[in-house]
N, C-alpha and C. Protein backbone atom coordinates (compact mmCIF):
# COMPACT_ATOMS: atom_id res chain seq x y z
N MET A 1 -14.38 -30.41 11.27
CA MET A 1 -14.94 -29.06 12.09
C MET A 1 -14.37 -27.79 11.25
N ALA A 2 -13.04 -28.06 10.42
CA ALA A 2 -12.95 -27.12 9.09
C ALA A 2 -13.17 -26.78 7.86
N GLU A 3 -14.04 -28.09 8.20
CA GLU A 3 -14.81 -28.16 6.76
C GLU A 3 -15.50 -27.77 6.36
N GLU A 4 -16.38 -27.23 7.54
CA GLU A 4 -18.25 -26.65 7.87
C GLU A 4 -17.57 -25.67 8.35
N MET A 5 -16.34 -24.79 8.88
CA MET A 5 -16.26 -23.78 8.82
C MET A 5 -16.42 -23.55 7.43
N ALA A 6 -15.38 -23.57 6.51
CA ALA A 6 -15.15 -23.37 5.08
C ALA A 6 -16.59 -23.43 4.10
N THR A 7 -17.44 -24.68 4.23
CA THR A 7 -18.65 -24.00 3.82
C THR A 7 -19.42 -23.17 4.54
N SER A 8 -19.49 -23.13 5.45
CA SER A 8 -20.76 -22.09 5.88
C SER A 8 -20.10 -20.95 5.99
N THR A 9 -19.09 -20.23 5.47
CA THR A 9 -18.73 -18.71 4.81
C THR A 9 -18.57 -19.02 3.15
N ASP A 10 -18.57 -19.94 2.73
CA ASP A 10 -19.05 -19.62 1.22
C ASP A 10 -20.40 -19.22 0.74
N SER A 11 -20.38 -18.62 0.05
CA SER A 11 -21.10 -18.10 -0.34
C SER A 11 -23.04 -18.81 -1.03
N SER A 12 -23.80 -18.55 -0.91
CA SER A 12 -24.47 -19.30 -1.13
C SER A 12 -24.74 -19.68 -2.71
N ASP A 13 -24.41 -18.81 -3.59
CA ASP A 13 -25.03 -19.56 -4.56
C ASP A 13 -23.32 -20.99 -5.61
N GLY A 14 -23.93 -21.33 -6.70
CA GLY A 14 -23.23 -22.06 -7.49
C GLY A 14 -22.32 -21.53 -8.57
N ASP A 15 -22.18 -20.25 -8.98
CA ASP A 15 -21.39 -19.54 -9.19
C ASP A 15 -20.41 -18.56 -8.67
N ALA A 16 -20.24 -19.05 -7.58
CA ALA A 16 -18.89 -17.77 -7.06
C ALA A 16 -17.88 -18.58 -7.10
N PRO A 17 -16.55 -17.45 -7.08
CA PRO A 17 -15.69 -17.85 -7.65
C PRO A 17 -14.98 -17.87 -6.87
N ALA A 18 -13.87 -19.29 -6.50
CA ALA A 18 -12.83 -19.97 -6.31
C ALA A 18 -12.35 -18.92 -5.47
N PRO A 19 -11.89 -19.36 -4.08
CA PRO A 19 -11.17 -18.80 -3.96
C PRO A 19 -9.57 -18.98 -3.98
N VAL A 20 -8.56 -18.33 -3.75
CA VAL A 20 -7.33 -18.27 -4.48
C VAL A 20 -6.39 -18.71 -2.87
N THR A 21 -6.15 -19.28 -2.90
CA THR A 21 -5.26 -19.92 -1.34
C THR A 21 -4.01 -20.18 -1.68
N GLY A 22 -4.14 -20.22 -2.55
CA GLY A 22 -2.06 -20.72 -2.47
C GLY A 22 -1.48 -19.61 -2.75
N GLY A 23 -0.57 -18.84 -3.95
CA GLY A 23 0.56 -18.27 -4.13
C GLY A 23 1.22 -16.80 -3.40
N PRO A 24 1.84 -17.03 -4.74
CA PRO A 24 3.20 -15.34 -3.00
C PRO A 24 2.75 -14.85 -2.20
N VAL A 25 1.59 -14.05 -2.82
CA VAL A 25 0.80 -13.01 -1.63
C VAL A 25 0.41 -13.95 -0.79
N ALA A 26 -0.72 -14.89 -0.72
CA ALA A 26 -0.73 -15.75 0.08
C ALA A 26 -0.23 -16.26 0.80
N ARG A 27 0.86 -16.70 0.48
CA ARG A 27 2.63 -17.37 1.10
C ARG A 27 2.69 -16.30 2.16
N ILE A 28 3.19 -15.23 1.54
CA ILE A 28 3.86 -13.94 1.92
C ILE A 28 3.81 -13.76 3.22
N ALA A 29 1.82 -14.08 2.92
CA ALA A 29 1.15 -13.37 4.75
C ALA A 29 0.90 -14.49 5.17
N PHE A 30 0.82 -15.94 4.92
CA PHE A 30 1.30 -16.29 6.39
C PHE A 30 1.85 -16.26 7.40
N VAL A 31 2.99 -16.43 5.77
CA VAL A 31 4.75 -16.46 6.72
C VAL A 31 4.94 -14.84 7.86
N VAL A 32 4.27 -14.03 7.26
CA VAL A 32 4.06 -12.19 8.07
C VAL A 32 3.09 -12.55 9.21
N GLY A 33 1.96 -13.34 9.52
CA GLY A 33 1.63 -13.77 10.78
C GLY A 33 2.88 -14.81 11.13
N CYS A 34 2.78 -16.15 10.89
CA CYS A 34 3.29 -17.22 11.37
C CYS A 34 4.58 -16.08 12.53
N CYS A 35 5.69 -15.32 12.16
CA CYS A 35 6.11 -15.34 12.74
C CYS A 35 5.65 -13.30 13.41
N GLY A 36 4.82 -12.86 13.39
CA GLY A 36 3.68 -12.20 14.50
C GLY A 36 3.31 -13.41 14.84
N LEU A 37 2.66 -13.65 15.10
CA LEU A 37 2.18 -15.18 16.01
C LEU A 37 2.89 -15.39 17.57
N LEU A 38 4.23 -16.03 16.84
CA LEU A 38 5.54 -16.64 17.21
C LEU A 38 6.28 -15.36 17.88
N LEU A 39 5.82 -14.19 17.66
CA LEU A 39 6.57 -13.36 18.94
C LEU A 39 5.46 -12.43 19.30
N ALA A 40 4.87 -12.81 18.97
CA ALA A 40 3.74 -12.11 20.14
C ALA A 40 4.25 -13.68 20.89
N THR A 41 3.86 -14.83 20.84
CA THR A 41 3.89 -15.85 21.87
C THR A 41 4.85 -15.63 22.97
N ALA A 42 5.91 -15.69 22.44
CA ALA A 42 7.17 -15.99 22.96
C ALA A 42 7.80 -14.58 24.20
N ALA A 43 7.53 -13.10 23.58
CA ALA A 43 7.55 -12.81 23.91
C ALA A 43 6.34 -12.23 25.77
N ASP A 44 5.56 -12.51 25.31
CA ASP A 44 4.05 -12.32 26.52
C ASP A 44 4.54 -13.81 26.92
N SER A 45 4.89 -15.00 26.47
CA SER A 45 5.17 -16.71 28.03
C SER A 45 7.11 -15.58 28.59
N ILE A 46 7.58 -14.79 27.87
CA ILE A 46 8.77 -14.36 28.70
C ILE A 46 8.12 -13.74 29.48
N ALA A 47 7.34 -12.78 29.43
CA ALA A 47 6.75 -11.82 30.57
C ALA A 47 6.36 -12.69 31.29
N VAL A 48 5.01 -13.71 30.97
CA VAL A 48 4.93 -14.30 32.27
C VAL A 48 6.12 -15.15 33.33
N LEU A 49 6.46 -16.11 32.59
CA LEU A 49 7.83 -16.98 32.63
C LEU A 49 8.55 -15.80 33.42
N GLY A 50 8.91 -14.51 33.20
CA GLY A 50 10.26 -13.57 33.79
C GLY A 50 9.00 -12.86 36.22
N ARG A 51 7.86 -13.55 35.46
CA ARG A 51 6.90 -12.16 36.84
C ARG A 51 7.14 -14.06 37.32
N HIS A 52 6.86 -14.65 37.69
CA HIS A 52 7.57 -15.62 38.14
C HIS A 52 9.38 -16.47 38.85
N ALA A 53 9.48 -15.89 37.98
CA ALA A 53 10.55 -15.86 38.19
C ALA A 53 11.56 -15.06 39.46
N GLY A 54 11.26 -13.82 38.59
CA GLY A 54 11.31 -12.62 39.69
C GLY A 54 12.06 -11.63 38.29
N PHE A 55 12.20 -11.62 37.48
CA PHE A 55 13.17 -10.67 36.43
C PHE A 55 11.75 -9.71 35.82
N GLN A 56 11.68 -8.76 34.30
CA GLN A 56 11.07 -8.92 34.19
C GLN A 56 11.31 -8.46 32.87
N LEU A 57 10.73 -8.22 31.64
CA LEU A 57 11.05 -8.57 30.55
C LEU A 57 10.58 -7.08 30.10
N LEU A 58 11.38 -5.63 29.91
CA LEU A 58 10.69 -4.29 30.03
C LEU A 58 10.62 -4.49 28.60
N GLY A 59 9.12 -4.16 28.13
CA GLY A 59 8.33 -4.33 27.01
C GLY A 59 7.91 -4.53 25.98
N ALA A 60 7.40 -5.87 26.85
CA ALA A 60 6.54 -7.01 26.49
C ALA A 60 5.77 -6.39 25.65
N ILE A 61 5.10 -4.93 26.47
CA ILE A 61 4.04 -5.01 26.33
C ILE A 61 3.67 -4.48 24.38
N GLU A 62 5.12 -3.90 24.27
CA GLU A 62 5.62 -2.80 23.05
C GLU A 62 5.34 -4.12 21.76
N VAL A 63 5.96 -5.32 22.32
CA VAL A 63 6.33 -6.10 21.63
C VAL A 63 5.50 -6.80 20.94
N VAL A 64 4.36 -7.35 21.66
CA VAL A 64 3.65 -7.96 21.79
C VAL A 64 2.46 -6.58 20.59
N GLN A 65 2.13 -5.65 20.24
CA GLN A 65 1.19 -4.87 19.99
C GLN A 65 2.32 -4.60 18.52
N ALA A 66 3.50 -4.71 18.76
CA ALA A 66 3.96 -4.51 17.26
C ALA A 66 3.65 -6.20 17.07
N ALA A 67 3.95 -7.05 17.15
CA ALA A 67 3.26 -8.21 16.46
C ALA A 67 2.28 -8.18 15.75
N ILE A 68 1.12 -7.48 16.50
CA ILE A 68 -0.32 -7.71 16.28
C ILE A 68 -0.50 -6.72 14.62
N VAL A 69 0.31 -5.94 14.91
CA VAL A 69 -0.19 -5.38 13.54
C VAL A 69 0.57 -6.66 12.27
N LEU A 70 1.91 -7.35 12.19
CA LEU A 70 1.70 -8.33 11.68
C LEU A 70 0.69 -9.60 11.51
N ILE A 71 -0.07 -9.53 12.73
CA ILE A 71 -1.32 -10.16 12.77
C ILE A 71 -2.56 -10.00 12.07
N ALA A 72 -2.88 -9.29 12.18
CA ALA A 72 -3.24 -8.28 11.17
C ALA A 72 -3.83 -7.80 9.75
N ALA A 73 -2.14 -7.77 9.24
CA ALA A 73 -1.63 -7.17 8.46
C ALA A 73 -2.04 -8.59 7.15
N SER A 74 -1.74 -9.13 8.20
CA SER A 74 -1.54 -10.73 7.27
C SER A 74 -3.06 -11.75 7.62
N SER A 75 -3.67 -10.88 8.42
CA SER A 75 -5.19 -11.82 8.67
C SER A 75 -5.97 -11.28 7.66
N LEU A 76 -6.00 -9.48 7.49
CA LEU A 76 -6.68 -9.19 6.23
C LEU A 76 -6.50 -9.30 4.63
N VAL A 77 -5.09 -10.04 4.04
CA VAL A 77 -5.13 -10.04 2.69
C VAL A 77 -5.26 -11.61 3.11
N SER A 78 -5.03 -12.44 3.84
CA SER A 78 -5.17 -14.03 3.51
C SER A 78 -6.97 -15.13 4.20
N VAL A 79 -7.86 -13.67 4.89
CA VAL A 79 -9.06 -13.62 4.41
C VAL A 79 -9.46 -13.33 3.07
N THR A 80 -8.90 -12.08 2.30
CA THR A 80 -9.48 -11.60 1.82
C THR A 80 -9.08 -12.81 0.30
N LEU A 81 -8.18 -13.72 0.23
CA LEU A 81 -7.74 -13.68 -0.94
C LEU A 81 -8.51 -14.88 -0.40
N ALA A 82 -8.78 -15.75 0.21
CA ALA A 82 -9.59 -16.14 0.92
C ALA A 82 -11.46 -16.13 0.54
N ARG A 83 -11.82 -15.45 0.01
CA ARG A 83 -12.85 -14.71 -0.03
C ARG A 83 -13.54 -15.03 2.09
N GLY A 84 -12.62 -15.01 2.07
CA GLY A 84 -13.99 -15.41 3.45
C GLY A 84 -14.19 -13.87 4.54
N HIS A 85 -14.70 -12.92 4.13
CA HIS A 85 -14.90 -11.45 5.00
C HIS A 85 -16.55 -12.53 5.01
N ALA A 86 -16.98 -11.76 6.08
CA ALA A 86 -18.75 -12.34 6.97
C ALA A 86 -19.37 -11.44 5.85
N GLY A 87 -20.73 -12.09 5.06
CA GLY A 87 -21.61 -11.79 4.08
C GLY A 87 -23.10 -12.40 5.04
N VAL A 88 -23.82 -11.49 4.45
CA VAL A 88 -25.23 -11.93 5.39
C VAL A 88 -25.33 -12.03 3.68
N HIS A 89 -26.58 -12.98 3.66
CA HIS A 89 -27.64 -13.55 2.53
C HIS A 89 -28.78 -13.58 2.62
N ILE A 90 -29.30 -12.77 3.57
CA ILE A 90 -30.05 -12.54 3.33
C ILE A 90 -31.50 -12.54 2.12
N LEU A 91 -31.37 -11.58 1.72
CA LEU A 91 -31.79 -10.87 0.44
C LEU A 91 -31.22 -11.29 -0.65
N THR A 92 -29.57 -11.57 -0.90
CA THR A 92 -28.82 -11.55 -1.91
C THR A 92 -29.46 -13.61 -2.35
N GLU A 93 -29.77 -14.67 -1.68
CA GLU A 93 -30.37 -15.73 -1.71
C GLU A 93 -31.52 -16.23 -1.93
N ARG A 94 -32.62 -15.11 -2.41
CA ARG A 94 -33.33 -15.29 -2.93
C ARG A 94 -33.06 -14.47 -3.81
N LEU A 95 -32.15 -14.02 -4.34
CA LEU A 95 -32.26 -13.98 -5.89
C LEU A 95 -31.82 -15.08 -7.36
N LYS A 96 -32.39 -14.48 -8.41
CA LYS A 96 -31.92 -15.33 -9.71
C LYS A 96 -30.34 -15.46 -9.74
N PRO A 97 -29.86 -16.03 -9.86
CA PRO A 97 -27.93 -15.71 -10.48
C PRO A 97 -27.54 -14.43 -10.93
N GLU A 98 -28.66 -13.97 -12.03
CA GLU A 98 -27.42 -13.08 -12.30
C GLU A 98 -27.32 -11.35 -12.06
N PRO A 99 -28.99 -11.52 -11.40
CA PRO A 99 -28.19 -10.29 -10.28
C PRO A 99 -27.43 -10.49 -8.99
N ARG A 100 -27.39 -11.17 -8.71
CA ARG A 100 -26.88 -12.63 -7.74
C ARG A 100 -25.42 -11.80 -7.75
N ARG A 101 -24.80 -12.06 -9.48
CA ARG A 101 -24.15 -12.06 -9.45
C ARG A 101 -23.34 -10.90 -9.38
N ARG A 102 -24.09 -9.44 -10.11
CA ARG A 102 -24.16 -8.13 -9.68
C ARG A 102 -23.52 -7.85 -8.51
N LEU A 103 -24.83 -8.30 -8.01
CA LEU A 103 -24.67 -7.59 -6.27
C LEU A 103 -22.89 -7.69 -5.58
N ALA A 104 -22.43 -9.40 -5.98
CA ALA A 104 -22.34 -9.68 -5.74
C ALA A 104 -20.52 -8.96 -6.35
N ILE A 105 -20.65 -8.06 -7.75
CA ILE A 105 -19.56 -7.34 -8.68
C ILE A 105 -19.48 -5.81 -7.53
N ALA A 106 -20.61 -5.94 -7.59
CA ALA A 106 -20.97 -5.49 -6.59
C ALA A 106 -20.96 -4.46 -4.97
N ALA A 107 -20.26 -5.13 -5.01
CA ALA A 107 -19.52 -5.76 -3.60
C ALA A 107 -18.52 -5.61 -2.93
N ASP A 108 -18.02 -6.24 -4.19
CA ASP A 108 -16.33 -6.61 -4.02
C ASP A 108 -15.74 -4.81 -4.65
N ILE A 109 -16.50 -4.17 -5.74
CA ILE A 109 -15.71 -2.65 -5.66
C ILE A 109 -16.31 -2.05 -5.09
N ALA A 110 -17.32 -1.65 -3.84
CA ALA A 110 -18.05 -0.82 -2.66
C ALA A 110 -17.05 -1.30 -1.92
N ALA A 111 -16.10 -3.02 -1.74
CA ALA A 111 -15.33 -2.98 -1.01
C ALA A 111 -13.44 -2.71 -0.78
N SER A 112 -13.93 -2.30 -2.37
CA SER A 112 -12.84 -2.77 -2.74
C SER A 112 -12.40 -0.96 -2.37
N LEU A 113 -13.43 0.06 -2.87
CA LEU A 113 -13.37 1.58 -2.65
C LEU A 113 -13.44 2.09 -1.44
N THR A 114 -13.58 1.06 -0.32
CA THR A 114 -13.48 1.76 1.66
C THR A 114 -12.48 1.24 1.98
N VAL A 115 -11.79 0.30 0.99
CA VAL A 115 -10.21 0.43 2.17
C VAL A 115 -9.05 1.31 0.28
N LEU A 116 -9.74 1.13 -0.07
CA LEU A 116 -9.40 2.60 -0.45
C LEU A 116 -9.30 3.92 0.55
N VAL A 117 -10.32 4.12 0.74
CA VAL A 117 -10.29 5.43 1.78
C VAL A 117 -8.85 5.37 2.70
N LEU A 118 -9.50 4.09 3.00
CA LEU A 118 -7.96 3.60 4.38
C LEU A 118 -7.09 4.08 3.43
N VAL A 119 -6.45 3.35 2.71
CA VAL A 119 -5.66 3.85 2.00
C VAL A 119 -4.41 5.48 2.19
N ILE A 120 -5.69 5.98 1.68
CA ILE A 120 -5.32 7.06 1.29
C ILE A 120 -5.31 7.54 2.68
N GLY A 121 -5.62 7.53 3.46
CA GLY A 121 -5.87 8.02 4.56
C GLY A 121 -4.42 7.57 5.35
N SER A 122 -3.85 6.22 5.30
CA SER A 122 -2.51 5.59 5.91
C SER A 122 -1.81 6.31 5.09
N THR A 123 -1.94 6.63 3.80
CA THR A 123 -0.73 7.24 3.58
C THR A 123 -0.25 7.98 3.84
N MET A 124 -2.00 9.03 4.29
CA MET A 124 -1.45 10.58 4.33
C MET A 124 -0.72 10.60 6.17
N ILE A 125 -1.21 10.45 6.66
CA ILE A 125 -0.66 9.66 8.23
C ILE A 125 1.00 9.61 7.89
N LEU A 126 0.87 8.00 7.18
CA LEU A 126 2.58 7.76 7.24
C LEU A 126 3.93 9.03 6.53
N ALA A 127 3.06 9.82 5.50
CA ALA A 127 4.00 10.53 4.80
C ALA A 127 3.90 12.04 6.04
N ASP A 128 2.82 12.27 6.88
CA ASP A 128 2.79 13.50 7.58
C ASP A 128 4.19 13.32 8.79
N LEU A 129 4.28 11.91 8.58
CA LEU A 129 4.68 11.47 10.55
C LEU A 129 6.16 10.02 10.16
N TRP A 130 6.69 10.49 8.48
CA TRP A 130 7.70 9.71 8.15
C TRP A 130 8.76 10.52 8.84
N ASN A 131 9.05 11.41 8.45
CA ASN A 131 10.08 11.83 9.09
C ASN A 131 10.36 12.35 10.88
N GLY A 132 9.72 12.24 11.36
CA GLY A 132 8.87 12.55 12.79
C GLY A 132 9.70 11.64 13.16
N PHE A 133 10.34 10.01 12.81
CA PHE A 133 10.97 9.30 13.37
C PHE A 133 10.28 8.98 14.85
N GLU A 134 9.11 8.71 14.82
CA GLU A 134 8.14 7.61 15.61
C GLU A 134 8.80 6.49 16.47
N ARG A 135 8.22 6.36 18.43
CA ARG A 135 9.07 5.67 18.02
C ARG A 135 8.44 4.99 19.63
N SER A 136 8.61 3.25 19.63
CA SER A 136 7.80 3.20 21.20
C SER A 136 8.28 3.76 22.20
N GLU A 137 7.64 3.68 23.49
CA GLU A 137 8.62 4.20 24.85
C GLU A 137 9.22 3.31 25.41
N LEU A 138 9.24 2.53 25.41
CA LEU A 138 10.93 1.91 25.71
C LEU A 138 12.31 1.63 24.87
N LEU A 139 10.94 1.04 24.39
CA LEU A 139 11.87 -0.67 23.30
C LEU A 139 12.46 -0.08 21.87
N HIS A 140 12.05 1.80 21.80
CA HIS A 140 12.51 2.48 20.37
C HIS A 140 11.74 1.27 19.59
N ILE A 141 11.01 0.70 19.31
CA ILE A 141 10.56 0.34 17.79
C ILE A 141 9.47 1.09 17.38
N PRO A 142 10.58 1.71 15.37
CA PRO A 142 10.01 1.84 14.69
C PRO A 142 8.30 1.75 14.22
N LEU A 143 8.19 3.07 14.49
CA LEU A 143 6.32 3.40 14.37
C LEU A 143 6.12 3.28 12.49
N ARG A 144 7.15 3.55 11.61
CA ARG A 144 6.52 3.65 10.92
C ARG A 144 6.38 3.06 9.54
N LEU A 145 7.56 1.83 9.89
CA LEU A 145 7.76 1.23 9.25
C LEU A 145 6.49 -0.12 9.90
N LEU A 146 5.78 -0.37 10.64
CA LEU A 146 4.28 -1.53 11.05
C LEU A 146 3.53 -0.53 10.04
N ARG A 147 3.79 0.78 10.31
CA ARG A 147 1.93 1.85 9.11
C ARG A 147 2.26 1.98 7.96
N LEU A 148 3.88 1.39 7.70
CA LEU A 148 3.96 0.97 6.46
C LEU A 148 3.85 -0.59 5.53
N LEU A 149 3.60 -1.33 6.65
CA LEU A 149 3.46 -2.98 6.13
C LEU A 149 1.55 -2.93 6.65
N MET A 150 0.72 -2.25 7.14
CA MET A 150 -0.67 -2.57 7.19
C MET A 150 -0.80 -0.91 5.69
N THR A 151 -0.69 -0.25 5.87
CA THR A 151 -0.36 0.71 4.67
C THR A 151 -0.24 -0.77 3.76
N LEU A 152 0.39 -1.16 3.10
CA LEU A 152 0.83 -2.32 2.27
C LEU A 152 -0.29 -3.22 1.97
N ALA A 153 -0.93 -4.01 3.58
CA ALA A 153 -1.16 -4.54 3.25
C ALA A 153 -2.73 -3.92 2.49
N LEU A 154 -3.15 -3.29 2.92
CA LEU A 154 -4.87 -2.60 3.10
C LEU A 154 -4.84 -2.41 1.61
N VAL A 155 -3.77 -1.73 0.52
CA VAL A 155 -3.14 -1.66 -0.74
C VAL A 155 -3.25 -3.48 -1.74
N VAL A 156 -3.07 -4.65 -0.61
CA VAL A 156 -4.01 -5.85 -1.31
C VAL A 156 -4.32 -5.53 -1.13
N VAL A 157 -5.50 -5.67 -0.18
CA VAL A 157 -6.25 -5.90 -0.19
C VAL A 157 -7.67 -5.75 -1.11
N ALA A 158 -7.14 -3.76 -1.51
CA ALA A 158 -7.80 -3.42 -2.70
C ALA A 158 -8.09 -4.30 -3.77
N ILE A 159 -6.36 -4.26 -3.56
CA ILE A 159 -6.55 -4.90 -5.32
C ILE A 159 -6.90 -6.52 -5.66
N ALA A 160 -6.99 -7.33 -3.58
CA ALA A 160 -7.69 -8.41 -4.20
C ALA A 160 -9.19 -8.40 -4.43
N PHE A 161 -10.38 -7.40 -4.06
CA PHE A 161 -10.95 -6.66 -3.88
C PHE A 161 -11.60 -6.78 -5.71
N LEU A 162 -10.49 -5.64 -6.02
CA LEU A 162 -10.81 -5.51 -7.33
C LEU A 162 -10.89 -6.77 -8.62
N ARG A 163 -9.58 -7.53 -8.01
CA ARG A 163 -9.79 -8.94 -9.11
C ARG A 163 -10.77 -9.80 -9.12
N GLN A 164 -11.44 -9.80 -7.40
CA GLN A 164 -12.47 -11.05 -8.07
C GLN A 164 -13.60 -10.57 -8.73
N ALA A 165 -13.81 -8.71 -8.76
CA ALA A 165 -15.03 -8.88 -9.56
C ALA A 165 -14.91 -8.46 -10.51
N TRP A 166 -13.02 -8.21 -11.16
CA TRP A 166 -12.67 -8.36 -11.91
C TRP A 166 -12.97 -9.83 -13.01
N ARG A 167 -12.46 -10.67 -12.10
CA ARG A 167 -13.10 -12.04 -12.31
C ARG A 167 -14.16 -12.09 -12.90
N ALA A 168 -15.24 -11.91 -11.57
CA ALA A 168 -16.62 -12.30 -11.42
C ALA A 168 -17.15 -11.74 -12.54
N TRP A 169 -17.17 -10.81 -13.65
CA TRP A 169 -16.70 -9.48 -14.88
C TRP A 169 -17.04 -10.83 -15.55
N ARG A 170 -15.54 -11.43 -15.87
CA ARG A 170 -14.84 -11.75 -17.21
C ARG A 170 -15.82 -13.27 -16.83
N ARG A 171 -15.51 -14.06 -15.51
CA ARG A 171 -16.13 -14.66 -16.38
C ARG A 171 -17.69 -14.66 -16.52
N HIS A 172 -18.19 -13.72 -16.57
CA HIS A 172 -19.53 -14.57 -16.79
C HIS A 172 -19.59 -13.57 -18.24
N ASP A 173 -18.63 -13.04 -19.02
CA ASP A 173 -18.42 -12.87 -20.38
C ASP A 173 -18.31 -14.07 -20.71
N ALA A 174 -17.63 -14.74 -20.72
CA ALA A 174 -16.76 -16.00 -21.59
C ALA A 174 -17.86 -16.58 -22.18
């Protein structure tokens, strides 16, 4: 099943660059995502168990929300490194290899620019609220650290898209 999923998300052309599945960035993203998933699962499980046992875990929703930021950040980085973003190939599968390659490079550059716009907006919000010491209501979880993590993840995603475009461009020149 995993093999079917891997081939179904690959681009239809044979000269697509291989996904980057290893390396330190991918490992860090994996660990951050695992920590977020474990944290969300533990907090929610303890909260449900507590409801049945007669005690409450105050702030369980806040813990889960913070964990979701970890999960989302690591997912964005992991999927981008693995070239696993969804794509529609109705047009590109009918093209010859060279125009298909050029469109793939243009798509990677456009994706990087789009993510860079998100980075700029996130950085503006982060800078504006940095000294506000914004915290969650019950547990006082600092939100600026979560915003910083998501902004850093978006920077990594933008760099990964640019790197993929650069590699595809260089592979053709070589």
